[in-house]
Amino acid sequence: MEKSIQSMIQEADRLMKNGNEQACLSMLHDVSCMVPGNSDVWFRYALALDHFSKEEEAIPAYKKALKIGLNRNAERTALICLASSYRNVGEINRANETIVQVLTEYPDHIAAQCFYSLILADSGEPEKALQVLGRALLIGIEPEVFEGFKEALEAKFSELTKTIK
C-alpha cells in the first residue's frame, strides 16, 4: 500500500507541475482520506493547496501535518509555508508567531528571514524588514561578492535598529 501511496503522490506532483489543479487536489484529498495519519501526505496536500493559491485551505493541512509529525526539514518548510499562508490571508500576528518559531530554531535560515521581512513590512515595520532582509543577504551571499563593502553594509543595516521605534 505504501508504494501505491507514493505513486499517487508522484502523480499528484506531476499534475501540479502541469497545472492540472482539480485533478491534483482531488487526488491528494483522496489520499489524505485513505491514510489520515500520514503526515507526508498532509504536507504534500498543503503544499499543493498553497501552490494553487488556496492558502485558507492549506493552513489546516499544514497544521495537521505538523501535529502528526514531520521530519526536521519538512517541519521547517511546513512552518515557513504556514507563516506565509497566514500572511497571505491577513493573519499577520499568527504569521509573525510562526516565523519567529522557525527563526528561534534556525536563526540563519535565509528563506525564513526573507519571509520574516515580508511579514514585518506588512505589519508596518519597514525599517526592521529592511534590516532583516539586508542581514539575510549578507549571510547568504559569498563575501567576495561584496568586494570589501561587507563591513560597511553590516554597519548600515545595524544602524537601522536605531531608527526603529
Protein backbone atom coordinates (compact mmCIF):
# COMPACT_ATOMS: atom_id res chain seq x y z
CA MET A 1 0.00 0.00 0.00
CA GLU A 2 2.88 2.40 0.81
CA LYS A 3 4.15 2.01 -2.76
CA SER A 4 0.69 2.85 -4.08
CA ILE A 5 0.55 5.98 -1.91
CA GLN A 6 3.98 7.09 -3.10
CA SER A 7 2.98 6.60 -6.73
CA MET A 8 -0.19 8.63 -6.14
CA ILE A 9 1.85 11.42 -4.56
CA GLN A 10 4.22 11.38 -7.53
CA GLU A 11 1.29 11.51 -9.93
CA ALA A 12 -0.21 14.43 -7.98
CA ASP A 13 3.15 16.24 -8.17
CA ARG A 14 3.19 15.69 -11.93
CA LEU A 15 -0.36 17.02 -12.21
CA MET A 16 0.58 20.06 -10.13
CA LYS A 17 3.60 20.82 -12.33
CA ASN A 18 1.36 20.59 -15.38
CA GLY A 19 -1.15 22.99 -13.83
CA ASN A 20 -3.94 20.45 -13.50
CA GLU A 21 -5.31 21.88 -10.28
CA GLN A 22 -8.55 19.93 -9.93
CA ALA A 23 -7.02 16.50 -10.59
CA CYS A 24 -4.02 17.17 -8.36
CA LEU A 25 -6.02 18.44 -5.39
CA SER A 26 -8.66 15.73 -5.78
CA MET A 27 -6.01 13.02 -5.80
CA LEU A 28 -4.23 14.39 -2.73
CA HIS A 29 -7.52 14.86 -0.91
CA ASP A 30 -8.42 11.23 -1.63
CA VAL A 31 -5.01 10.02 -0.42
CA SER A 32 -5.29 12.09 2.77
CA CYS A 33 -8.64 10.40 3.45
CA MET A 34 -7.15 6.95 2.75
CA VAL A 35 -4.24 7.48 5.16
CA PRO A 36 -5.27 10.26 7.56
CA GLY A 37 -2.32 9.59 9.85
CA ASN A 38 0.34 10.10 7.16
CA SER A 39 2.00 13.47 7.77
CA ASP A 40 3.81 13.44 4.42
CA VAL A 41 0.51 13.17 2.56
CA TRP A 42 -0.94 16.10 4.52
CA PHE A 43 2.24 18.09 3.91
CA ARG A 44 2.09 17.43 0.14
CA TYR A 45 -1.58 18.29 0.11
CA ALA A 46 -0.89 21.59 1.93
CA LEU A 47 1.91 22.44 -0.49
CA ALA A 48 -0.37 21.76 -3.46
CA LEU A 49 -3.15 23.89 -1.99
CA ASP A 50 -0.61 26.64 -1.40
CA HIS A 51 0.71 26.27 -4.95
CA PHE A 52 -2.78 26.85 -6.31
CA SER A 53 -3.28 29.94 -4.05
CA LYS A 54 -5.70 28.20 -1.70
CA GLU A 55 -3.98 29.37 1.47
CA GLU A 56 -7.11 29.27 3.62
CA GLU A 57 -7.41 25.55 2.86
CA ALA A 58 -3.65 24.98 3.11
CA ILE A 59 -3.44 26.29 6.68
CA PRO A 60 -5.36 23.41 8.33
CA ALA A 61 -3.49 20.89 6.15
CA TYR A 62 -0.12 22.28 7.29
CA LYS A 63 -1.32 22.21 10.89
CA LYS A 64 -2.47 18.60 10.52
CA ALA A 65 0.90 17.54 9.05
CA LEU A 66 2.76 19.32 11.85
CA LYS A 67 0.53 17.79 14.52
CA ILE A 68 1.10 14.27 13.19
CA GLY A 69 4.84 14.94 12.98
CA LEU A 70 7.27 15.62 10.16
CA ASN A 71 11.00 15.13 9.81
CA ARG A 72 13.11 18.14 10.72
CA ASN A 73 13.49 19.56 7.19
CA ALA A 74 9.83 19.07 6.29
CA GLU A 75 8.79 20.60 9.61
CA ARG A 76 10.87 23.71 8.93
CA THR A 77 9.45 24.02 5.42
CA ALA A 78 5.89 23.48 6.66
CA LEU A 79 6.29 26.18 9.31
CA ILE A 80 7.72 28.67 6.80
CA CYS A 81 4.89 27.91 4.38
CA LEU A 82 2.34 28.13 7.19
CA ALA A 83 3.68 31.56 8.16
CA SER A 84 3.49 32.65 4.53
CA SER A 85 -0.08 31.38 4.22
CA TYR A 86 -1.09 33.23 7.38
CA ARG A 87 0.48 36.37 5.91
CA ASN A 88 -1.36 35.93 2.62
CA VAL A 89 -4.73 35.66 4.36
CA GLY A 90 -4.01 38.70 6.53
CA GLU A 91 -3.33 36.92 9.82
CA ILE A 92 -0.15 38.88 10.46
CA ASN A 93 0.12 38.08 14.19
CA ARG A 94 -0.09 34.33 13.54
CA ALA A 95 2.36 34.71 10.65
CA ASN A 96 4.79 36.51 12.93
CA GLU A 97 4.45 33.95 15.75
CA THR A 98 5.03 31.09 13.34
CA ILE A 99 8.06 32.58 11.58
CA VAL A 100 9.64 33.57 14.90
CA GLN A 101 9.25 29.92 15.94
CA VAL A 102 11.25 28.91 12.85
CA LEU A 103 13.89 31.59 13.41
CA THR A 104 14.32 30.56 17.03
CA GLU A 105 15.46 27.14 15.89
CA TYR A 106 17.05 28.20 12.57
CA PRO A 107 18.27 31.79 13.07
CA ASP A 108 20.39 31.87 9.89
CA HIS A 109 17.87 30.26 7.55
CA ILE A 110 17.74 32.66 4.60
CA ALA A 111 14.24 31.80 3.34
CA ALA A 112 12.80 32.16 6.85
CA GLN A 113 14.47 35.56 7.20
CA CYS A 114 13.08 36.67 3.84
CA PHE A 115 9.55 35.69 4.83
CA TYR A 116 10.06 37.37 8.19
CA SER A 117 10.99 40.58 6.38
CA LEU A 118 7.77 40.38 4.32
CA ILE A 119 5.74 39.85 7.49
CA LEU A 120 7.47 42.80 9.16
CA ALA A 121 6.77 45.01 6.14
CA ASP A 122 3.10 44.01 6.22
CA SER A 123 2.91 44.74 9.94
CA GLY A 124 4.13 48.32 9.47
CA GLU A 125 7.79 47.81 10.36
CA PRO A 126 9.58 48.61 7.07
CA GLU A 127 12.89 49.59 8.68
CA LYS A 128 13.11 46.34 10.61
CA ALA A 129 12.04 44.45 7.47
CA LEU A 130 14.88 46.04 5.50
CA GLN A 131 17.32 45.25 8.30
CA VAL A 132 16.34 41.57 8.39
CA LEU A 133 16.45 41.30 4.61
CA GLY A 134 19.81 43.07 4.43
CA ARG A 135 21.34 40.81 7.05
CA ALA A 136 19.98 37.76 5.24
CA LEU A 137 21.67 39.00 2.09
CA LEU A 138 24.97 39.43 3.92
CA ILE A 139 24.75 35.93 5.38
CA GLY A 140 23.58 34.23 2.21
CA ILE A 141 25.98 35.58 -0.39
CA GLU A 142 29.66 34.75 -0.70
CA PRO A 143 31.76 37.50 0.96
CA GLU A 144 33.83 38.18 -2.18
CA VAL A 145 30.68 39.37 -3.95
CA PHE A 146 30.70 42.44 -1.72
CA GLU A 147 34.24 43.44 -2.80
CA GLY A 148 35.20 44.94 0.55
CA PHE A 149 31.83 46.54 1.31
CA LYS A 150 30.52 43.85 3.68
CA GLU A 151 31.58 45.65 6.89
CA ALA A 152 30.12 48.93 5.71
CA LEU A 153 26.85 47.25 4.78
CA GLU A 154 26.70 45.43 8.13
CA ALA A 155 27.15 48.77 9.88
CA LYS A 156 24.40 50.40 7.80
CA PHE A 157 21.94 47.56 8.42
CA SER A 158 22.79 47.70 12.15
CA GLU A 159 22.09 51.46 12.16
CA LEU A 160 18.53 50.71 11.07
CA THR A 161 17.96 49.30 14.55
CA LYS A 162 18.48 52.77 15.97
CA THR A 163 15.76 54.21 13.73
CA ILE A 164 13.22 51.56 14.70
CA LYS A 165 10.83 52.91 17.27
